[in-house]
Amino acid sequence: MTEQFREISRLLRSQGYKRGADLTDYFEEELRARNLIPPTLFPHPTERVLRVDDVLRRTALEIVNEYLGFDVSEEMLIGKSREREIAQTRHLVSHLMYKVGGLTLANVAASLGRINHTTTINSLQHVYRMTSEPSVKKELDILAENLRGRLDK
């Protein structure tokens, strides 16, 4: 095993690896070719496993788009845009993933392509400020029930 680590170390130094970079992006094929990692360690992109947070994100996005009448795609939701329509959708999807899905703040952030959990906290604060009005809170409860119903199917 130590020899494998040394081989990986030499490969990384030869390729100019910088600390903190994602190894899988740069070296996966090279490591596979040298038989230094098993083929099942990183699934091939076409064989990607469907994760619970992916299903939850897609379903919540569908519900929010239907409710608001928007047409925000997953790419737009995960992207960096601050357009009002996209940001509002992102806030509501975050709220639903956290409250209904029971994901942690960090998992919600990661699922939406955010850097850390503080962006999820910001989204939840946005939604909580909106819920001071009883009609908005009622609408959010309806969205949450709709999401629970779709996930139970």
Protein backbone atom coordinates (compact mmCIF):
# COMPACT_ATOMS: atom_id res chain seq x y z
CA MET A 1 0.00 0.00 0.00
CA THR A 2 2.83 2.40 0.82
CA GLU A 3 4.28 1.86 -2.64
CA GLN A 4 0.92 2.89 -4.17
CA PHE A 5 0.92 6.11 -2.16
CA ARG A 6 4.46 6.87 -3.30
CA GLU A 7 3.45 6.23 -6.91
CA ILE A 8 0.44 8.53 -6.54
CA SER A 9 2.67 11.14 -4.90
CA ARG A 10 5.14 11.03 -7.79
CA LEU A 11 2.31 11.29 -10.30
CA LEU A 12 0.81 14.29 -8.50
CA ARG A 13 4.13 16.13 -8.31
CA SER A 14 4.84 15.44 -11.98
CA GLN A 15 1.45 16.87 -12.94
CA GLY A 16 1.86 20.01 -10.84
CA TYR A 17 -0.81 19.11 -8.30
CA LYS A 18 -1.77 21.99 -6.05
CA ARG A 19 -3.01 21.34 -2.53
CA GLY A 20 -6.79 21.56 -2.22
CA ALA A 21 -7.59 20.76 -5.87
CA ASP A 22 -10.01 17.94 -6.60
CA LEU A 23 -8.01 14.84 -7.51
CA THR A 24 -10.82 13.16 -9.40
CA ASP A 25 -11.08 15.98 -11.92
CA TYR A 26 -7.40 15.90 -12.83
CA PHE A 27 -6.12 12.41 -12.32
CA GLU A 28 -8.91 9.85 -12.37
CA GLU A 29 -8.10 8.43 -15.80
CA GLU A 30 -4.36 8.41 -15.11
CA LEU A 31 -4.82 6.64 -11.78
CA ARG A 32 -7.15 4.09 -13.40
CA ALA A 33 -4.66 3.46 -16.21
CA ARG A 34 -1.94 2.69 -13.68
CA ASN A 35 -4.34 0.45 -11.70
CA LEU A 36 -3.83 2.55 -8.59
CA ILE A 37 -7.54 2.87 -7.85
CA PRO A 38 -10.23 0.23 -8.26
CA PRO A 39 -12.71 0.83 -11.10
CA THR A 40 -15.61 1.09 -8.65
CA LEU A 41 -14.08 3.85 -6.51
CA PHE A 42 -15.37 6.66 -8.74
CA PRO A 43 -18.39 5.59 -10.81
CA HIS A 44 -18.30 6.59 -14.46
CA PRO A 45 -20.47 9.72 -15.06
CA THR A 46 -22.96 7.76 -17.18
CA GLU A 47 -23.32 5.24 -14.36
CA ARG A 48 -23.85 7.89 -11.68
CA VAL A 49 -25.91 6.75 -8.74
CA LEU A 50 -29.15 8.66 -8.21
CA ARG A 51 -28.96 10.27 -4.78
CA VAL A 52 -31.82 11.15 -2.45
CA ASP A 53 -30.90 14.85 -2.42
CA ASP A 54 -30.96 14.89 -6.26
CA VAL A 55 -34.51 13.53 -6.30
CA LEU A 56 -35.54 15.92 -3.53
CA ARG A 57 -34.00 18.92 -5.35
CA ARG A 58 -35.68 18.06 -8.67
CA THR A 59 -39.07 17.45 -7.08
CA ALA A 60 -38.91 20.63 -4.98
CA LEU A 61 -37.86 22.60 -8.07
CA GLU A 62 -40.84 21.25 -10.05
CA ILE A 63 -43.24 22.21 -7.26
CA VAL A 64 -41.80 25.72 -6.84
CA ASN A 65 -41.79 26.32 -10.61
CA GLU A 66 -45.44 25.24 -10.84
CA TYR A 67 -46.40 27.41 -7.88
CA LEU A 68 -44.56 30.56 -8.98
CA GLY A 69 -45.10 30.03 -12.70
CA PHE A 70 -41.36 30.19 -13.35
CA ASP A 71 -39.26 28.07 -15.66
CA VAL A 72 -36.03 27.78 -13.68
CA SER A 73 -33.88 24.83 -14.79
CA GLU A 74 -31.65 22.76 -12.52
CA GLU A 75 -28.59 24.37 -14.10
CA MET A 76 -29.95 27.83 -13.33
CA LEU A 77 -30.83 26.78 -9.77
CA ILE A 78 -27.33 25.45 -9.12
CA GLY A 79 -25.66 28.33 -10.96
CA LYS A 80 -24.43 31.61 -9.50
CA SER A 81 -27.11 33.91 -10.88
CA ARG A 82 -28.71 36.40 -8.50
CA GLU A 83 -31.66 37.21 -10.74
CA ARG A 84 -34.74 37.65 -8.61
CA GLU A 85 -36.69 34.80 -10.20
CA ILE A 86 -33.82 32.33 -9.76
CA ALA A 87 -32.87 33.50 -6.25
CA GLN A 88 -36.48 33.31 -5.05
CA THR A 89 -36.79 29.80 -6.45
CA ARG A 90 -33.48 28.81 -4.82
CA HIS A 91 -34.68 30.14 -1.43
CA LEU A 92 -37.92 28.17 -1.59
CA VAL A 93 -36.21 24.98 -2.78
CA SER A 94 -33.69 25.32 0.08
CA HIS A 95 -36.53 25.71 2.56
CA LEU A 96 -38.35 22.63 1.24
CA MET A 97 -35.22 20.49 1.15
CA TYR A 98 -34.38 21.45 4.74
CA LYS A 99 -37.85 21.28 6.27
CA VAL A 100 -39.47 18.44 4.32
CA GLY A 101 -36.41 16.49 3.23
CA GLY A 102 -34.71 16.71 6.59
CA LEU A 103 -31.31 17.39 5.02
CA THR A 104 -28.64 19.18 7.00
CA LEU A 105 -27.78 22.76 6.13
CA ALA A 106 -24.48 21.60 4.62
CA ASN A 107 -26.21 18.92 2.50
CA VAL A 108 -28.75 21.43 1.18
CA ALA A 109 -25.93 23.81 0.29
CA ALA A 110 -23.92 21.10 -1.46
CA SER A 111 -26.96 19.89 -3.39
CA LEU A 112 -27.56 23.43 -4.66
CA GLY A 113 -23.93 24.02 -5.59
CA ARG A 114 -23.25 26.43 -2.75
CA ILE A 115 -19.94 26.78 -0.94
CA ASN A 116 -21.10 26.11 2.62
CA HIS A 117 -24.07 25.97 4.97
CA THR A 118 -24.19 29.74 5.57
CA THR A 119 -25.79 30.28 2.17
CA THR A 120 -28.57 27.89 3.20
CA ILE A 121 -29.01 29.81 6.45
CA ASN A 122 -29.39 33.01 4.39
CA SER A 123 -32.04 31.36 2.20
CA LEU A 124 -33.97 30.10 5.23
CA GLN A 125 -33.87 33.56 6.81
CA HIS A 126 -35.30 35.00 3.59
CA VAL A 127 -38.17 32.53 3.69
CA TYR A 128 -38.80 33.04 7.43
CA ARG A 129 -39.06 36.81 6.91
CA MET A 130 -41.70 36.15 4.26
CA THR A 131 -43.68 33.88 6.62
CA SER A 132 -44.49 36.73 8.99
CA GLU A 133 -47.57 37.12 6.81
CA PRO A 134 -50.06 34.29 7.58
CA SER A 135 -51.11 33.84 3.95
CA VAL A 136 -47.51 33.22 2.88
CA LYS A 137 -47.02 30.71 5.69
CA LYS A 138 -50.15 28.90 4.55
CA GLU A 139 -48.84 28.79 0.97
CA LEU A 140 -45.51 27.36 2.18
CA ASP A 141 -47.36 24.69 4.14
CA ILE A 142 -49.25 23.76 0.96
CA LEU A 143 -45.97 23.52 -0.97
CA ALA A 144 -44.48 21.33 1.76
CA GLU A 145 -47.51 19.01 1.72
CA ASN A 146 -47.35 18.84 -2.06
CA LEU A 147 -43.68 17.81 -1.85
CA ARG A 148 -44.41 15.20 0.83
CA GLY A 149 -47.18 13.78 -1.35
CA ARG A 150 -44.94 13.49 -4.42
CA LEU A 151 -42.10 11.92 -2.45
CA ASP A 152 -44.43 9.32 -0.93
CA LYS A 153 -45.47 8.05 -4.36
